[in-house]
N, C-alpha and C. Protein backbone atom coordinates (compact mmCIF):
# COMPACT_ATOMS: atom_id res chain seq x y z
N MET A 1 50.98 26.90 11.55
CA MET A 1 49.08 27.44 11.75
C MET A 1 49.32 27.30 13.56
N THR A 2 50.43 26.71 14.05
CA THR A 2 49.69 26.85 15.78
C THR A 2 50.60 27.31 16.34
N LYS A 3 49.93 27.99 17.50
CA LYS A 3 51.60 28.95 18.16
C LYS A 3 50.85 28.21 19.63
N ASP A 4 51.56 28.63 20.54
CA ASP A 4 52.42 28.67 21.38
C ASP A 4 51.48 29.33 22.49
N THR A 5 50.17 29.90 22.77
CA THR A 5 49.30 31.08 23.41
C THR A 5 48.91 29.78 25.23
N LYS A 6 49.58 29.92 25.82
CA LYS A 6 49.31 29.73 26.74
C LYS A 6 48.39 31.02 27.81
N ASN A 7 47.07 30.16 27.94
CA ASN A 7 47.02 31.45 28.92
C ASN A 7 46.94 31.13 30.44
N PRO A 8 47.91 32.41 30.48
CA PRO A 8 48.39 32.65 32.18
C PRO A 8 47.75 32.66 33.07
N LYS A 9 46.42 32.60 32.82
CA LYS A 9 45.24 33.15 33.56
C LYS A 9 44.26 31.81 33.81
N ASN A 10 44.84 31.01 32.83
CA ASN A 10 44.15 29.42 32.17
C ASN A 10 45.07 28.25 32.28
N PRO A 11 45.97 28.07 33.06
CA PRO A 11 46.83 27.69 32.40
C PRO A 11 45.97 26.22 32.03
N LYS A 12 45.12 25.69 32.55
CA LYS A 12 44.53 24.51 32.54
C LYS A 12 43.57 24.01 31.55
N GLY A 13 43.42 26.00 30.71
CA GLY A 13 42.45 25.79 29.46
C GLY A 13 43.10 24.79 29.00
N ASP A 14 43.73 25.37 28.07
CA ASP A 14 44.22 24.43 26.76
C ASP A 14 44.54 22.51 26.56
N ALA A 15 44.64 22.07 27.61
CA ALA A 15 44.80 21.39 28.83
C ALA A 15 43.73 19.93 28.54
N VAL A 16 42.24 21.01 28.94
CA VAL A 16 40.87 20.26 29.20
C VAL A 16 40.66 20.11 27.61
N ILE A 17 41.05 21.26 26.74
CA ILE A 17 39.97 21.53 25.19
C ILE A 17 41.14 20.71 24.48
N GLY A 18 42.19 20.17 24.58
CA GLY A 18 42.81 19.27 23.39
C GLY A 18 42.36 18.07 24.35
N ASN A 19 42.42 17.58 25.70
CA ASN A 19 41.65 16.34 26.12
C ASN A 19 40.69 15.83 25.62
N ARG A 20 39.85 17.33 25.41
CA ARG A 20 38.40 17.44 24.46
C ARG A 20 38.69 16.62 23.35
N ILE A 21 39.33 17.27 22.62
CA ILE A 21 39.53 17.40 20.57
C ILE A 21 40.16 15.24 20.86
N LYS A 22 41.00 15.25 21.81
CA LYS A 22 40.96 13.70 22.12
C LYS A 22 40.38 12.28 21.83
N GLU A 23 39.57 12.91 23.39
CA GLU A 23 38.00 11.76 23.21
C GLU A 23 37.29 11.88 22.04
N LEU A 24 37.38 12.93 21.43
CA LEU A 24 36.12 13.14 19.99
C LEU A 24 37.33 12.26 19.44
N ARG A 25 38.28 12.26 19.15
CA ARG A 25 39.26 12.10 18.22
C ARG A 25 38.84 10.64 17.65
N ILE A 26 38.97 10.29 19.60
CA ILE A 26 39.34 8.62 19.39
C ILE A 26 37.73 8.08 19.40
N ARG A 27 36.54 8.95 19.75
CA ARG A 27 35.71 8.62 19.64
C ARG A 27 35.14 8.48 18.40
N ASN A 28 36.20 8.97 17.31
CA ASN A 28 35.41 8.61 15.68
C ASN A 28 36.75 8.03 14.96
N ALA A 29 37.47 7.43 15.36
CA ALA A 29 38.36 6.23 15.55
C ALA A 29 39.11 7.34 14.33
N LEU A 30 40.21 8.39 14.64
CA LEU A 30 41.09 9.00 13.65
C LEU A 30 41.86 9.71 14.39
N THR A 31 43.14 8.85 13.41
CA THR A 31 44.57 8.68 14.01
C THR A 31 44.56 10.36 14.13
N GLN A 32 45.60 10.74 15.23
CA GLN A 32 46.58 12.11 14.75
C GLN A 32 46.77 12.70 13.89
N LYS A 33 47.62 11.63 13.06
CA LYS A 33 47.58 11.59 11.41
C LYS A 33 46.71 11.73 10.47
N ARG A 34 45.82 11.02 10.40
CA ARG A 34 44.28 11.44 9.65
C ARG A 34 44.05 12.69 10.34
N LEU A 35 43.61 13.17 11.67
CA LEU A 35 43.16 14.38 11.73
C LEU A 35 43.76 15.29 11.33
N ALA A 36 45.35 15.22 11.28
CA ALA A 36 45.82 16.30 11.58
C ALA A 36 45.95 16.90 9.53
N GLU A 37 45.89 15.25 8.71
CA GLU A 37 45.39 15.96 7.01
C GLU A 37 43.93 16.39 7.18
N LEU A 38 43.42 16.09 8.06
CA LEU A 38 41.62 16.79 8.10
C LEU A 38 42.02 18.11 7.84
N VAL A 39 42.98 18.71 8.37
CA VAL A 39 42.43 20.26 9.00
C VAL A 39 43.44 21.10 8.22
N MET A 40 44.88 20.52 7.86
CA MET A 40 45.97 20.55 6.74
C MET A 40 46.97 20.99 8.03
N VAL A 41 47.25 20.76 8.63
CA VAL A 41 48.29 21.46 9.97
C VAL A 41 48.59 19.94 9.93
N SER A 42 49.93 19.73 11.04
CA SER A 42 51.20 18.60 10.54
C SER A 42 50.69 17.85 12.25
N ALA A 43 50.92 16.83 12.37
CA ALA A 43 50.38 15.21 12.91
C ALA A 43 50.72 15.85 14.63
N SER A 44 52.02 16.51 15.31
CA SER A 44 52.86 16.75 15.54
C SER A 44 51.66 18.08 16.44
N SER A 45 51.55 18.86 15.20
CA SER A 45 50.66 20.25 16.18
C SER A 45 49.27 19.40 16.70
N ILE A 46 48.72 18.29 15.97
CA ILE A 46 47.51 17.70 17.11
C ILE A 46 48.10 17.29 18.30
N ALA A 47 49.47 16.63 17.90
CA ALA A 47 50.27 16.02 19.33
C ALA A 47 49.86 17.00 20.41
N ARG A 48 50.61 18.41 19.83
CA ARG A 48 50.81 19.44 21.03
C ARG A 48 49.40 20.15 21.19
N LEU A 49 48.83 20.01 20.62
CA LEU A 49 46.84 20.66 21.00
C LEU A 49 46.36 19.65 21.93
N GLU A 50 46.41 18.42 21.23
CA GLU A 50 46.02 17.45 22.71
C GLU A 50 46.23 17.09 23.89
N THR A 51 48.45 17.77 23.47
CA THR A 51 48.38 17.48 25.24
C THR A 51 48.15 19.15 26.40
N GLY A 52 48.08 19.91 25.10
CA GLY A 52 47.84 21.65 25.78
C GLY A 52 48.94 22.11 26.16
N GLN A 53 50.27 21.59 25.15
CA GLN A 53 51.09 21.63 24.92
C GLN A 53 50.94 23.15 24.03
N SER A 54 50.06 23.36 23.24
CA SER A 54 50.19 25.06 22.26
C SER A 54 48.33 24.66 21.53
N MET A 55 48.11 25.59 21.39
CA MET A 55 46.21 26.12 20.88
C MET A 55 46.70 26.37 19.55
N VAL A 56 45.40 26.40 18.57
CA VAL A 56 45.73 26.33 17.53
C VAL A 56 44.99 28.03 17.03
N SER A 57 44.93 28.52 16.04
CA SER A 57 43.84 29.36 15.69
C SER A 57 42.58 28.97 15.35
N VAL A 58 42.05 30.08 15.76
CA VAL A 58 40.15 30.00 15.69
C VAL A 58 40.19 29.02 14.13
N PHE A 59 40.40 29.44 13.28
CA PHE A 59 40.63 28.87 12.01
C PHE A 59 40.74 27.06 11.93
N THR A 60 41.70 26.61 12.26
CA THR A 60 42.79 25.84 12.99
C THR A 60 41.39 25.14 13.86
N MET A 61 40.51 25.36 14.70
CA MET A 61 39.98 24.92 15.19
C MET A 61 38.22 24.98 14.93
N ILE A 62 38.14 25.27 13.85
CA ILE A 62 36.49 25.06 12.97
C ILE A 62 36.52 24.05 12.21
N LYS A 63 37.89 24.08 11.64
CA LYS A 63 38.08 23.01 10.99
C LYS A 63 38.59 21.65 11.62
N ILE A 64 38.98 21.15 12.85
CA ILE A 64 38.30 20.16 13.62
C ILE A 64 37.49 20.47 13.90
N ALA A 65 36.61 20.36 14.07
CA ALA A 65 34.94 20.62 14.84
C ALA A 65 34.12 19.68 14.00
N GLU A 66 35.00 20.20 12.17
CA GLU A 66 33.96 19.92 11.51
C GLU A 66 34.58 18.33 10.91
N ALA A 67 36.00 18.37 10.65
CA ALA A 67 36.67 16.48 11.33
C ALA A 67 35.55 15.95 11.65
N LEU A 68 35.68 16.12 13.21
CA LEU A 68 35.12 15.48 14.38
C LEU A 68 33.18 15.30 14.64
N ASN A 69 32.84 16.27 13.46
CA ASN A 69 30.95 16.38 13.08
C ASN A 69 30.84 16.78 14.82
N VAL A 70 31.61 17.85 15.17
CA VAL A 70 30.51 18.64 16.35
C VAL A 70 30.94 20.18 16.24
N SER A 71 29.68 20.73 16.73
CA SER A 71 30.23 22.31 17.46
C SER A 71 31.38 22.32 17.02
N THR A 72 32.01 23.57 17.69
CA THR A 72 32.86 24.27 17.95
C THR A 72 32.78 24.58 19.92
N SER A 73 31.33 24.55 19.48
CA SER A 73 30.48 24.70 21.58
C SER A 73 31.06 23.79 22.30
N ALA A 74 31.21 22.08 21.40
CA ALA A 74 32.14 21.46 22.16
C ALA A 74 33.03 20.52 22.14
N LEU A 75 33.48 21.39 21.44
CA LEU A 75 34.90 21.54 21.86
C LEU A 75 35.93 22.75 22.78
N LEU A 76 34.95 24.05 22.56
CA LEU A 76 35.35 24.67 24.07
C LEU A 76 35.03 24.94 25.12
N MET A 77 33.24 24.05 24.93
CA MET A 77 32.55 24.50 26.39
C MET A 77 32.98 23.58 27.56
N ASP A 78 32.76 23.38 28.88
CA ASP A 78 32.87 22.94 29.91
C ASP A 78 32.04 21.47 29.72
N ALA A 79 30.66 22.08 29.54
CA ALA A 79 30.01 21.24 29.34
C ALA A 79 29.40 20.27 27.96
N HIS A 80 30.66 19.63 28.08
CA HIS A 80 30.68 18.94 26.79
C HIS A 80 30.26 17.31 27.25
N GLN A 81 29.98 16.85 28.24
CA GLN A 81 28.87 15.47 28.43
C GLN A 81 27.84 15.34 27.76
N ASN A 82 27.01 16.38 27.83
CA ASN A 82 26.31 16.60 26.45
C ASN A 82 26.71 16.47 25.19
N VAL A 83 27.33 16.57 24.71
CA VAL A 83 27.95 16.40 23.84
C VAL A 83 28.64 15.17 22.93
N TYR A 84 28.01 14.11 23.72
CA TYR A 84 28.65 12.60 23.33
C TYR A 84 26.38 12.25 23.01
N VAL A 85 26.16 12.27 23.70
CA VAL A 85 24.43 12.36 23.78
C VAL A 85 24.53 13.24 22.52
N ASP A 86 24.53 14.50 21.78
CA ASP A 86 23.76 14.47 21.20
C ASP A 86 24.17 13.75 19.20
N GLU A 87 25.78 13.77 20.35
CA GLU A 87 26.80 13.43 19.11
C GLU A 87 26.05 11.67 18.03
N ASP A 88 26.09 10.99 18.72
CA ASP A 88 25.60 9.92 19.20
C ASP A 88 24.43 10.32 18.75
N LEU A 89 23.49 11.21 19.14
CA LEU A 89 21.64 11.04 18.24
C LEU A 89 21.77 11.70 16.76
N ARG A 90 22.53 12.29 16.60
CA ARG A 90 22.69 13.02 14.74
C ARG A 90 24.06 11.37 14.17
N ALA A 91 24.61 10.34 14.56
CA ALA A 91 24.28 9.58 14.11
C ALA A 91 23.52 8.51 13.80
N ILE A 92 22.33 8.36 14.67
CA ILE A 92 21.73 7.93 14.69
C ILE A 92 20.77 8.33 13.83
N SER A 93 20.66 9.29 13.99
CA SER A 93 19.74 10.36 12.33
C SER A 93 20.51 10.36 11.15
N THR A 94 21.61 10.22 11.63
CA THR A 94 21.80 9.88 9.91
C THR A 94 21.42 8.52 9.15
N LYS A 95 21.56 7.74 9.84
CA LYS A 95 21.27 6.89 9.44
C LYS A 95 20.31 5.99 9.74
N LEU A 96 19.28 6.78 9.85
CA LEU A 96 17.56 6.40 9.91
C LEU A 96 17.46 6.85 8.47
N LYS A 97 18.12 7.96 8.62
CA LYS A 97 17.23 8.66 7.14
C LYS A 97 17.55 7.80 5.74
N ASN A 98 18.37 6.39 5.87
CA ASN A 98 18.50 5.76 4.88
C ASN A 98 17.76 4.41 5.01
N CYS A 99 16.62 4.74 6.12
CA CYS A 99 16.09 3.52 6.25
C CYS A 99 14.82 3.58 5.96
N THR A 100 14.20 2.66 5.25
CA THR A 100 12.53 2.88 5.05
C THR A 100 11.42 3.49 6.65
N PRO A 101 10.38 3.75 6.36
CA PRO A 101 9.73 4.03 7.03
C PRO A 101 9.00 2.82 8.45
N ALA A 102 8.76 1.89 7.80
CA ALA A 102 8.88 0.42 8.17
C ALA A 102 9.76 0.12 9.30
N GLN A 103 11.17 0.14 8.57
CA GLN A 103 12.75 0.30 9.12
C GLN A 103 12.38 1.25 10.79
N ARG A 104 12.60 2.57 10.45
CA ARG A 104 12.51 3.22 11.39
C ARG A 104 11.59 2.80 12.14
N GLN A 105 9.92 3.22 12.24
CA GLN A 105 9.19 2.47 13.05
C GLN A 105 10.08 1.60 14.21
N LYS A 106 10.58 0.39 13.03
CA LYS A 106 11.21 -1.36 14.21
C LYS A 106 12.02 -0.12 14.99
N PHE A 107 13.53 0.36 14.39
CA PHE A 107 13.81 0.44 15.31
C PHE A 107 13.53 1.76 16.22
N ILE A 108 12.75 2.71 16.59
CA ILE A 108 12.48 3.52 16.77
C ILE A 108 11.46 2.50 18.22
N HIS A 109 10.74 1.13 17.88
CA HIS A 109 10.42 0.98 18.93
C HIS A 109 11.66 -0.40 20.15
N LEU A 110 12.22 -0.84 18.94
CA LEU A 110 13.27 -1.45 19.75
C LEU A 110 13.99 -0.47 20.79
N MET A 111 14.20 0.79 20.76
CA MET A 111 15.34 1.50 21.39
C MET A 111 13.95 1.68 22.73
N GLU A 112 12.72 2.46 22.52
CA GLU A 112 11.95 2.59 23.50
C GLU A 112 11.71 0.93 24.57
N GLU A 113 11.93 -0.20 23.65
CA GLU A 113 11.98 -1.16 24.75
C GLU A 113 13.73 -1.47 25.40
N THR A 114 14.32 -1.34 24.20
CA THR A 114 15.37 -0.99 25.67
C THR A 114 15.80 -0.52 26.56
N ILE A 115 15.79 0.66 25.93
CA ILE A 115 15.27 2.16 26.97
C ILE A 115 15.09 1.43 28.72
N ASP A 116 13.73 1.54 28.17
CA ASP A 116 12.83 0.94 29.21
C ASP A 116 13.03 -0.43 30.04
N ALA A 117 13.70 -1.27 29.92
CA ALA A 117 14.51 -2.55 30.18
C ALA A 117 16.06 -2.10 30.83
N ILE A 118 16.80 -0.88 30.42
CA ILE A 118 17.93 -1.19 31.22
C ILE A 118 17.19 0.47 32.50
N ILE A 119 15.70 1.17 32.02
CA ILE A 119 15.75 2.15 33.37
C ILE A 119 15.13 0.94 34.56
N LEU A 120 14.08 0.50 33.68
CA LEU A 120 13.68 -0.26 34.73
C LEU A 120 15.07 -1.81 35.68
N ASN A 121 15.99 -1.69 34.95
CA ASN A 121 16.91 -2.45 35.88
C ASN A 121 17.59 -1.68 37.12
């Protein structure tokens, strides 16, 4: 499923996307082997992708995004710094769904106090 499709107009583009995938894979505590299993490609395909040596099909990119719990835009767009905030909020939201209303209120109050303390310092 992996193709060597380096773009001569943007030779660094593949490496940027690959690095972004690597960062997100590590944030999700996944090995290259485990990510490869989730997207049904070889671990060496993931390694080549992360180093910008190759690019994968659109289908595989979608599967990678699903495995990393991000949108394909998060993988492909340069403005990925906000992706981390969005992903952190999504993870918090998922955990809050398992809380009672009282637990959620405590969490929100704690976060407000924490953010205020950080901003004021």
